[in-house]
Amino acid sequence: MLRKLLKYEFRATGRTFLPMFVAVVIISVVSRVLYSDNISQALQGSSWFVDLVYGMTAFMYVAVICAMFVMALIVLIQRFQKNLMGDEGYLMFTLPVRPWQLITAKSAAALVWSAASCAVAMLAVMILGSQYGGFFEGFGRAAESFAWFCFEVGVPVPLMIFEILLIMLVSFFSGAMMIYASIALGHLWPRHKNAGAIVSFAGLCIVMQVITTALTHILDSINFFNQDYNLQLFIWLIIAYLLLFTAAYFVITNYILSHRLNLE
């Protein structure tokens, strides 16, 4: 049943994200063509209308990329709030599935689309940046610096890339679960659900910040950050730390949906 939930969730959210991804790539290609050296030289000194077109294209390029990330956040919130905590919840909770399966389907879709948005944004930057001769040269220098850093700390480049990507994925997942937990906690305020969700989110942020600060002081007191060989350990501590918070958010959300849900 979880597979069917995932299929339904990706189908529903794909109607929003796939056209957006296509729009980002198309605008990137159009911008790449318009800002190519040949066309720029040919149109140099042309009318104000041409300059306006250039300006509008640049604005659309930035706006669409920003809208893609904003859309990911909006869809993440709406799909959970309306589909589970709103009127649609009457139908969703009649399905022969457990609340944790519903939460997993929502968070998995949010994680995949967030990662896809980052990948499309990077592709868009590479398409537009490919017209500049120094773009790939600068990218190469950055790659060399990264390889040198990995060599200095004694970590293979593939392992470091894997760990960075893993931290990003866990961070996305943790952020999604934190939002879900906030919405679920806000649901406990029948007359002020939205305000309750905002206050709950702020409260969770404060708790996480206090715990992070306390752990940082503890690690600093034992000179943990002054020892280079602790880099790998520190990376995996961050991953474990984020996973612990993610698990806590998941438990809170699952408990409320299982025992305190009231759709009236």
C-alpha atoms as a PDB file:
ATOM      1  CA  MET A   1       0.000   0.000   0.000  1.00  0.00           C
ATOM      2  CA  LEU A   2       2.896   2.338   0.671  1.00  0.00           C
ATOM      3  CA  ARG A   3       3.965   1.921  -2.953  1.00  0.00           C
ATOM      4  CA  LYS A   4       0.504   3.007  -4.113  1.00  0.00           C
ATOM      5  CA  LEU A   5       0.619   6.019  -1.796  1.00  0.00           C
ATOM      6  CA  LEU A   6       4.001   7.028  -3.204  1.00  0.00           C
ATOM      7  CA  LYS A   7       2.737   6.612  -6.763  1.00  0.00           C
ATOM      8  CA  TYR A   8      -0.299   8.766  -6.027  1.00  0.00           C
ATOM      9  CA  GLU A   9       1.782  11.416  -4.264  1.00  0.00           C
ATOM     10  CA  PHE A  10       4.349  11.708  -7.051  1.00  0.00           C
ATOM     11  CA  ARG A  11       1.618  11.822  -9.678  1.00  0.00           C
ATOM     12  CA  ALA A  12      -0.208  14.614  -7.829  1.00  0.00           C
ATOM     13  CA  THR A  13       2.889  16.719  -7.166  1.00  0.00           C
ATOM     14  CA  GLY A  14       4.471  16.004 -10.563  1.00  0.00           C
ATOM     15  CA  ARG A  15       1.754  18.061 -12.238  1.00  0.00           C
ATOM     16  CA  THR A  16       3.242  21.087 -10.501  1.00  0.00           C
ATOM     17  CA  PHE A  17       6.966  20.385 -10.561  1.00  0.00           C
ATOM     18  CA  LEU A  18       7.550  18.898 -14.016  1.00  0.00           C
ATOM     19  CA  PRO A  19       6.180  21.940 -15.927  1.00  0.00           C
ATOM     20  CA  MET A  20       8.221  24.163 -13.629  1.00  0.00           C
ATOM     21  CA  PHE A  21      11.401  22.201 -14.359  1.00  0.00           C
ATOM     22  CA  VAL A  22      10.741  22.391 -18.096  1.00  0.00           C
ATOM     23  CA  ALA A  23      10.168  26.157 -17.830  1.00  0.00           C
ATOM     24  CA  VAL A  24      13.472  26.632 -15.986  1.00  0.00           C
ATOM     25  CA  VAL A  25      15.421  24.687 -18.626  1.00  0.00           C
ATOM     26  CA  ILE A  26      13.719  26.491 -21.534  1.00  0.00           C
ATOM     27  CA  ILE A  27      14.353  29.936 -20.048  1.00  0.00           C
ATOM     28  CA  SER A  28      17.974  28.945 -19.364  1.00  0.00           C
ATOM     29  CA  VAL A  29      18.453  27.890 -22.993  1.00  0.00           C
ATOM     30  CA  VAL A  30      16.777  31.068 -24.288  1.00  0.00           C
ATOM     31  CA  SER A  31      18.940  33.195 -21.988  1.00  0.00           C
ATOM     32  CA  ARG A  32      22.024  31.299 -23.141  1.00  0.00           C
ATOM     33  CA  VAL A  33      21.182  32.086 -26.771  1.00  0.00           C
ATOM     34  CA  LEU A  34      20.283  35.740 -26.162  1.00  0.00           C
ATOM     35  CA  TYR A  35      23.425  36.406 -24.156  1.00  0.00           C
ATOM     36  CA  SER A  36      25.772  34.615 -26.555  1.00  0.00           C
ATOM     37  CA  ASP A  37      28.659  36.702 -27.886  1.00  0.00           C
ATOM     38  CA  ASN A  38      27.442  36.752 -31.509  1.00  0.00           C
ATOM     39  CA  ILE A  39      23.935  37.982 -30.716  1.00  0.00           C
ATOM     40  CA  SER A  40      25.168  40.438 -28.076  1.00  0.00           C
ATOM     41  CA  GLN A  41      27.561  42.046 -30.558  1.00  0.00           C
ATOM     42  CA  ALA A  42      24.938  42.115 -33.321  1.00  0.00           C
ATOM     43  CA  LEU A  43      22.398  43.851 -31.100  1.00  0.00           C
ATOM     44  CA  GLN A  44      24.827  46.206 -29.409  1.00  0.00           C
ATOM     45  CA  GLY A  45      23.499  49.745 -29.577  1.00  0.00           C
ATOM     46  CA  SER A  46      20.011  48.648 -30.656  1.00  0.00           C
ATOM     47  CA  SER A  47      16.769  50.185 -29.481  1.00  0.00           C
ATOM     48  CA  TRP A  48      15.563  50.419 -25.916  1.00  0.00           C
ATOM     49  CA  PHE A  49      13.089  47.641 -26.694  1.00  0.00           C
ATOM     50  CA  VAL A  50      15.924  45.152 -27.153  1.00  0.00           C
ATOM     51  CA  ASP A  51      17.423  46.223 -23.831  1.00  0.00           C
ATOM     52  CA  LEU A  52      13.995  45.741 -22.245  1.00  0.00           C
ATOM     53  CA  VAL A  53      13.780  42.223 -23.641  1.00  0.00           C
ATOM     54  CA  TYR A  54      17.228  41.441 -22.225  1.00  0.00           C
ATOM     55  CA  GLY A  55      16.237  42.773 -18.828  1.00  0.00           C
ATOM     56  CA  MET A  56      12.942  40.877 -18.771  1.00  0.00           C
ATOM     57  CA  THR A  57      14.690  37.651 -19.770  1.00  0.00           C
ATOM     58  CA  ALA A  58      17.229  38.024 -16.969  1.00  0.00           C
ATOM     59  CA  PHE A  59      14.452  38.789 -14.477  1.00  0.00           C
ATOM     60  CA  MET A  60      12.418  35.770 -15.600  1.00  0.00           C
ATOM     61  CA  TYR A  61      15.498  33.558 -15.303  1.00  0.00           C
ATOM     62  CA  VAL A  62      16.075  34.500 -11.667  1.00  0.00           C
ATOM     63  CA  ALA A  63      12.362  34.627 -10.813  1.00  0.00           C
ATOM     64  CA  VAL A  64      11.588  31.160 -12.167  1.00  0.00           C
ATOM     65  CA  ILE A  65      14.500  29.569 -10.277  1.00  0.00           C
ATOM     66  CA  CYS A  66      13.421  31.272  -7.041  1.00  0.00           C
ATOM     67  CA  ALA A  67       9.786  30.309  -7.693  1.00  0.00           C
ATOM     68  CA  MET A  68      10.832  26.685  -8.086  1.00  0.00           C
ATOM     69  CA  PHE A  69      12.191  26.537  -4.533  1.00  0.00           C
ATOM     70  CA  VAL A  70       9.278  28.525  -3.114  1.00  0.00           C
ATOM     71  CA  MET A  71       6.880  26.166  -4.902  1.00  0.00           C
ATOM     72  CA  ALA A  72       8.634  23.175  -3.354  1.00  0.00           C
ATOM     73  CA  LEU A  73       8.034  24.627   0.118  1.00  0.00           C
ATOM     74  CA  ILE A  74       4.418  25.571  -0.613  1.00  0.00           C
ATOM     75  CA  VAL A  75       3.579  22.157  -2.057  1.00  0.00           C
ATOM     76  CA  LEU A  76       5.276  20.464   0.905  1.00  0.00           C
ATOM     77  CA  ILE A  77       3.042  22.369   3.318  1.00  0.00           C
ATOM     78  CA  GLN A  78      -0.186  22.226   1.339  1.00  0.00           C
ATOM     79  CA  ARG A  79       0.006  18.524   0.495  1.00  0.00           C
ATOM     80  CA  PHE A  80       0.292  17.691   4.192  1.00  0.00           C
ATOM     81  CA  GLN A  81      -2.064  20.281   5.608  1.00  0.00           C
ATOM     82  CA  LYS A  82      -4.923  19.958   3.124  1.00  0.00           C
ATOM     83  CA  ASN A  83      -4.527  16.297   2.225  1.00  0.00           C
ATOM     84  CA  LEU A  84      -4.275  15.007   5.802  1.00  0.00           C
ATOM     85  CA  MET A  85      -5.326  17.731   8.218  1.00  0.00           C
ATOM     86  CA  GLY A  86      -8.087  19.298   6.094  1.00  0.00           C
ATOM     87  CA  ASP A  87     -11.313  18.095   4.520  1.00  0.00           C
ATOM     88  CA  GLU A  88      -9.457  15.589   2.322  1.00  0.00           C
ATOM     89  CA  GLY A  89      -8.312  13.899   5.510  1.00  0.00           C
ATOM     90  CA  TYR A  90     -11.732  12.270   5.881  1.00  0.00           C
ATOM     91  CA  LEU A  91     -10.992  10.272   2.741  1.00  0.00           C
ATOM     92  CA  MET A  92      -7.279   9.656   3.354  1.00  0.00           C
ATOM     93  CA  PHE A  93      -7.816   8.208   6.823  1.00  0.00           C
ATOM     94  CA  THR A  94     -10.465   5.806   5.573  1.00  0.00           C
ATOM     95  CA  LEU A  95      -7.794   4.066   3.495  1.00  0.00           C
ATOM     96  CA  PRO A  96      -6.397   0.792   4.910  1.00  0.00           C
ATOM     97  CA  VAL A  97      -3.040   2.384   5.778  1.00  0.00           C
ATOM     98  CA  ARG A  98      -1.307   3.508   8.943  1.00  0.00           C
ATOM     99  CA  PRO A  99      -0.580   7.189   9.623  1.00  0.00           C
ATOM    100  CA  TRP A 100       3.166   6.534   9.434  1.00  0.00           C
ATOM    101  CA  GLN A 101       2.723   5.350   5.844  1.00  0.00           C
ATOM    102  CA  LEU A 102       0.930   8.566   4.924  1.00  0.00           C
ATOM    103  CA  ILE A 103       3.676  10.624   6.557  1.00  0.00           C
ATOM    104  CA  THR A 104       6.378   8.602   4.807  1.00  0.00           C
ATOM    105  CA  ALA A 105       4.752   9.087   1.392  1.00  0.00           C
ATOM    106  CA  LYS A 106       4.456  12.846   1.886  1.00  0.00           C
ATOM    107  CA  SER A 107       8.010  13.288   3.178  1.00  0.00           C
ATOM    108  CA  ALA A 108       9.530  11.029   0.489  1.00  0.00           C
ATOM    109  CA  ALA A 109       7.884  13.060  -2.274  1.00  0.00           C
ATOM    110  CA  ALA A 110       8.999  16.316  -0.658  1.00  0.00           C
ATOM    111  CA  LEU A 111      12.572  15.004  -0.388  1.00  0.00           C
ATOM    112  CA  VAL A 112      12.728  13.858  -4.009  1.00  0.00           C
ATOM    113  CA  TRP A 113      11.263  17.062  -5.436  1.00  0.00           C
ATOM    114  CA  SER A 114      13.567  19.216  -3.273  1.00  0.00           C
ATOM    115  CA  ALA A 115      16.606  17.301  -4.514  1.00  0.00           C
ATOM    116  CA  ALA A 116      15.315  17.513  -8.092  1.00  0.00           C
ATOM    117  CA  SER A 117      14.842  21.279  -7.725  1.00  0.00           C
ATOM    118  CA  CYS A 118      18.481  21.651  -6.650  1.00  0.00           C
ATOM    119  CA  ALA A 119      19.632  19.522  -9.591  1.00  0.00           C
ATOM    120  CA  VAL A 120      17.583  21.545 -12.085  1.00  0.00           C
ATOM    121  CA  ALA A 121      18.879  24.808 -10.598  1.00  0.00           C
ATOM    122  CA  MET A 122      22.472  23.589 -11.004  1.00  0.00           C
ATOM    123  CA  LEU A 123      21.708  22.551 -14.591  1.00  0.00           C
ATOM    124  CA  ALA A 124      20.240  25.986 -15.312  1.00  0.00           C
ATOM    125  CA  VAL A 125      23.356  27.713 -13.965  1.00  0.00           C
ATOM    126  CA  MET A 126      25.603  25.463 -16.049  1.00  0.00           C
ATOM    127  CA  ILE A 127      23.566  26.136 -19.217  1.00  0.00           C
ATOM    128  CA  LEU A 128      23.753  29.900 -18.800  1.00  0.00           C
ATOM    129  CA  GLY A 129      27.337  29.853 -17.521  1.00  0.00           C
ATOM    130  CA  SER A 130      28.596  27.740 -20.416  1.00  0.00           C
ATOM    131  CA  GLN A 131      28.716  30.842 -22.630  1.00  0.00           C
ATOM    132  CA  TYR A 132      31.476  32.347 -20.514  1.00  0.00           C
ATOM    133  CA  GLY A 133      34.932  31.008 -21.224  1.00  0.00           C
ATOM    134  CA  GLY A 134      36.021  31.192 -17.605  1.00  0.00           C
ATOM    135  CA  PHE A 135      32.999  29.353 -16.217  1.00  0.00           C
ATOM    136  CA  PHE A 136      34.280  25.813 -16.605  1.00  0.00           C
ATOM    137  CA  GLU A 137      37.803  26.984 -15.856  1.00  0.00           C
ATOM    138  CA  GLY A 138      36.571  28.374 -12.546  1.00  0.00           C
ATOM    139  CA  PHE A 139      34.622  25.191 -11.944  1.00  0.00           C
ATOM    140  CA  GLY A 140      37.783  23.199 -12.582  1.00  0.00           C
ATOM    141  CA  ARG A 141      39.756  25.307 -10.104  1.00  0.00           C
ATOM    142  CA  ALA A 142      37.035  24.796  -7.502  1.00  0.00           C
ATOM    143  CA  ALA A 143      37.190  21.037  -8.112  1.00  0.00           C
ATOM    144  CA  GLU A 144      40.973  21.087  -7.706  1.00  0.00           C
ATOM    145  CA  SER A 145      40.666  23.016  -4.444  1.00  0.00           C
ATOM    146  CA  PHE A 146      38.101  20.534  -3.194  1.00  0.00           C
ATOM    147  CA  ALA A 147      40.367  17.613  -4.135  1.00  0.00           C
ATOM    148  CA  TRP A 148      43.302  19.296  -2.366  1.00  0.00           C
ATOM    149  CA  PHE A 149      41.187  19.770   0.781  1.00  0.00           C
ATOM    150  CA  CYS A 150      40.173  16.100   0.745  1.00  0.00           C
ATOM    151  CA  PHE A 151      43.827  15.114   0.376  1.00  0.00           C
ATOM    152  CA  GLU A 152      44.859  17.326   3.303  1.00  0.00           C
ATOM    153  CA  VAL A 153      42.243  15.845   5.624  1.00  0.00           C
ATOM    154  CA  GLY A 154      42.899  12.328   4.372  1.00  0.00           C
ATOM    155  CA  VAL A 155      39.420  11.640   3.004  1.00  0.00           C
ATOM    156  CA  PRO A 156      38.833  10.184  -0.490  1.00  0.00           C
ATOM    157  CA  VAL A 157      37.017  12.593  -2.807  1.00  0.00           C
ATOM    158  CA  PRO A 158      34.121  10.186  -3.601  1.00  0.00           C
ATOM    159  CA  LEU A 159      33.546   9.596   0.121  1.00  0.00           C
ATOM    160  CA  MET A 160      33.509  13.321   0.863  1.00  0.00           C
ATOM    161  CA  ILE A 161      31.049  13.987  -1.983  1.00  0.00           C
ATOM    162  CA  PHE A 162      28.835  11.168  -0.733  1.00  0.00           C
ATOM    163  CA  GLU A 163      28.871  12.548   2.808  1.00  0.00           C
ATOM    164  CA  ILE A 164      28.045  16.077   1.649  1.00  0.00           C
ATOM    165  CA  LEU A 165      25.141  14.827  -0.457  1.00  0.00           C
ATOM    166  CA  LEU A 166      23.969  12.676   2.446  1.00  0.00           C
ATOM    167  CA  ILE A 167      23.998  15.651   4.808  1.00  0.00           C
ATOM    168  CA  MET A 168      21.985  17.665   2.283  1.00  0.00           C
ATOM    169  CA  LEU A 169      19.401  14.898   1.870  1.00  0.00           C
ATOM    170  CA  VAL A 170      19.095  14.342   5.617  1.00  0.00           C
ATOM    171  CA  SER A 171      18.760  18.111   6.125  1.00  0.00           C
ATOM    172  CA  PHE A 172      15.946  18.293   3.555  1.00  0.00           C
ATOM    173  CA  PHE A 173      14.185  15.346   5.172  1.00  0.00           C
ATOM    174  CA  SER A 174      14.629  16.765   8.662  1.00  0.00           C
ATOM    175  CA  GLY A 175      13.263  20.127   7.535  1.00  0.00           C
ATOM    176  CA  ALA A 176      10.193  18.488   5.989  1.00  0.00           C
ATOM    177  CA  MET A 177       9.503  16.479   9.127  1.00  0.00           C
ATOM    178  CA  MET A 178       9.933  19.578  11.262  1.00  0.00           C
ATOM    179  CA  ILE A 179       7.281  21.373   9.202  1.00  0.00           C
ATOM    180  CA  TYR A 180       4.950  18.365   9.449  1.00  0.00           C
ATOM    181  CA  ALA A 181       5.408  18.196  13.218  1.00  0.00           C
ATOM    182  CA  SER A 182       4.645  21.919  13.497  1.00  0.00           C
ATOM    183  CA  ILE A 183       1.453  21.555  11.460  1.00  0.00           C
ATOM    184  CA  ALA A 184       0.405  18.544  13.549  1.00  0.00           C
ATOM    185  CA  LEU A 185       1.068  20.405  16.799  1.00  0.00           C
ATOM    186  CA  GLY A 186      -0.841  23.411  15.498  1.00  0.00           C
ATOM    187  CA  HIS A 187      -3.773  21.086  14.844  1.00  0.00           C
ATOM    188  CA  LEU A 188      -4.087  20.742  18.625  1.00  0.00           C
ATOM    189  CA  TRP A 189      -5.251  24.377  18.660  1.00  0.00           C
ATOM    190  CA  PRO A 190      -8.726  23.884  17.111  1.00  0.00           C
ATOM    191  CA  ARG A 191      -9.534  27.584  16.698  1.00  0.00           C
ATOM    192  CA  HIS A 192      -6.065  28.813  15.795  1.00  0.00           C
ATOM    193  CA  LYS A 193      -4.438  26.017  13.811  1.00  0.00           C
ATOM    194  CA  ASN A 194      -2.296  28.226  11.578  1.00  0.00           C
ATOM    195  CA  ALA A 195      -1.096  30.363  14.463  1.00  0.00           C
ATOM    196  CA  GLY A 196      -0.454  27.219  16.471  1.00  0.00           C
ATOM    197  CA  ALA A 197       1.629  25.769  13.652  1.00  0.00           C
ATOM    198  CA  ILE A 198       3.743  28.926  13.435  1.00  0.00           C
ATOM    199  CA  VAL A 199       4.267  29.050  17.214  1.00  0.00           C
ATOM    200  CA  SER A 200       5.090  25.323  17.236  1.00  0.00           C
ATOM    201  CA  PHE A 201       7.634  25.774  14.453  1.00  0.00           C
ATOM    202  CA  ALA A 202       9.285  28.613  16.352  1.00  0.00           C
ATOM    203  CA  GLY A 203       9.297  26.508  19.510  1.00  0.00           C
ATOM    204  CA  LEU A 204      10.918  23.548  17.748  1.00  0.00           C
ATOM    205  CA  CYS A 205      13.550  25.867  16.268  1.00  0.00           C
ATOM    206  CA  ILE A 206      14.348  27.253  19.736  1.00  0.00           C
ATOM    207  CA  VAL A 207      14.620  23.769  21.244  1.00  0.00           C
ATOM    208  CA  MET A 208      16.907  22.635  18.446  1.00  0.00           C
ATOM    209  CA  GLN A 209      19.060  25.753  18.802  1.00  0.00           C
ATOM    210  CA  VAL A 210      19.390  25.326  22.573  1.00  0.00           C
ATOM    211  CA  ILE A 211      20.400  21.664  22.214  1.00  0.00           C
ATOM    212  CA  THR A 212      22.827  22.494  19.399  1.00  0.00           C
ATOM    213  CA  THR A 213      24.457  25.244  21.453  1.00  0.00           C
ATOM    214  CA  ALA A 214      24.778  22.983  24.493  1.00  0.00           C
ATOM    215  CA  LEU A 215      26.368  20.165  22.461  1.00  0.00           C
ATOM    216  CA  THR A 216      28.720  22.622  20.767  1.00  0.00           C
ATOM    217  CA  HIS A 217      29.945  23.873  24.154  1.00  0.00           C
ATOM    218  CA  ILE A 218      30.427  20.297  25.343  1.00  0.00           C
ATOM    219  CA  LEU A 219      32.473  19.354  22.269  1.00  0.00           C
ATOM    220  CA  ASP A 220      34.484  22.568  22.513  1.00  0.00           C
ATOM    221  CA  SER A 221      35.230  21.908  26.190  1.00  0.00           C
ATOM    222  CA  ILE A 222      36.950  18.634  25.260  1.00  0.00           C
ATOM    223  CA  ASN A 223      38.875  20.328  22.390  1.00  0.00           C
ATOM    224  CA  PHE A 224      37.011  18.237  19.832  1.00  0.00           C
ATOM    225  CA  PHE A 225      37.225  20.925  17.137  1.00  0.00           C
ATOM    226  CA  ASN A 226      41.014  21.301  17.519  1.00  0.00           C
ATOM    227  CA  GLN A 227      41.734  17.789  16.308  1.00  0.00           C
ATOM    228  CA  ASP A 228      41.860  17.318  12.532  1.00  0.00           C
ATOM    229  CA  TYR A 229      41.319  13.585  12.666  1.00  0.00           C
ATOM    230  CA  ASN A 230      37.843  14.173  14.087  1.00  0.00           C
ATOM    231  CA  LEU A 231      36.520  15.532  10.761  1.00  0.00           C
ATOM    232  CA  GLN A 232      34.966  12.255   9.662  1.00  0.00           C
ATOM    233  CA  LEU A 233      33.559  11.649  13.111  1.00  0.00           C
ATOM    234  CA  PHE A 234      32.168  15.176  13.174  1.00  0.00           C
ATOM    235  CA  ILE A 235      30.428  14.699   9.799  1.00  0.00           C
ATOM    236  CA  TRP A 236      28.745  11.505  10.946  1.00  0.00           C
ATOM    237  CA  LEU A 237      27.814  13.131  14.249  1.00  0.00           C
ATOM    238  CA  ILE A 238      26.001  15.823  12.273  1.00  0.00           C
ATOM    239  CA  ILE A 239      24.169  13.177  10.247  1.00  0.00           C
ATOM    240  CA  ALA A 240      23.227  11.220  13.390  1.00  0.00           C
ATOM    241  CA  TYR A 241      22.194  14.453  15.115  1.00  0.00           C
ATOM    242  CA  LEU A 242      19.869  15.410  12.248  1.00  0.00           C
ATOM    243  CA  LEU A 243      18.446  11.898  12.088  1.00  0.00           C
ATOM    244  CA  LEU A 244      17.643  11.975  15.805  1.00  0.00           C
ATOM    245  CA  PHE A 245      15.685  15.196  15.407  1.00  0.00           C
ATOM    246  CA  THR A 246      14.015  13.795  12.304  1.00  0.00           C
ATOM    247  CA  ALA A 247      12.947  10.715  14.263  1.00  0.00           C
ATOM    248  CA  ALA A 248      11.580  12.932  17.053  1.00  0.00           C
ATOM    249  CA  TYR A 249       9.554  15.000  14.578  1.00  0.00           C
ATOM    250  CA  PHE A 250       8.271  11.799  12.966  1.00  0.00           C
ATOM    251  CA  VAL A 251       7.182  10.366  16.333  1.00  0.00           C
ATOM    252  CA  ILE A 252       5.373  13.605  17.264  1.00  0.00           C
ATOM    253  CA  THR A 253       3.554  13.746  13.933  1.00  0.00           C
ATOM    254  CA  ASN A 254       2.654  10.073  13.929  1.00  0.00           C
ATOM    255  CA  TYR A 255       1.355  10.223  17.514  1.00  0.00           C
ATOM    256  CA  ILE A 256      -0.915  13.188  16.831  1.00  0.00           C
ATOM    257  CA  LEU A 257      -2.262  11.686  13.609  1.00  0.00           C
ATOM    258  CA  SER A 258      -2.821   8.343  15.356  1.00  0.00           C
ATOM    259  CA  HIS A 259      -4.276   9.457  18.683  1.00  0.00           C
ATOM    260  CA  ARG A 260      -5.166  13.167  18.680  1.00  0.00           C
ATOM    261  CA  LEU A 261      -6.551  13.725  15.180  1.00  0.00           C
ATOM    262  CA  ASN A 262      -9.787  15.713  15.047  1.00  0.00           C
ATOM    263  CA  LEU A 263     -10.912  16.809  11.583  1.00  0.00           C
ATOM    264  CA  GLU A 264     -14.074  18.557  12.762  1.00  0.00           C
END
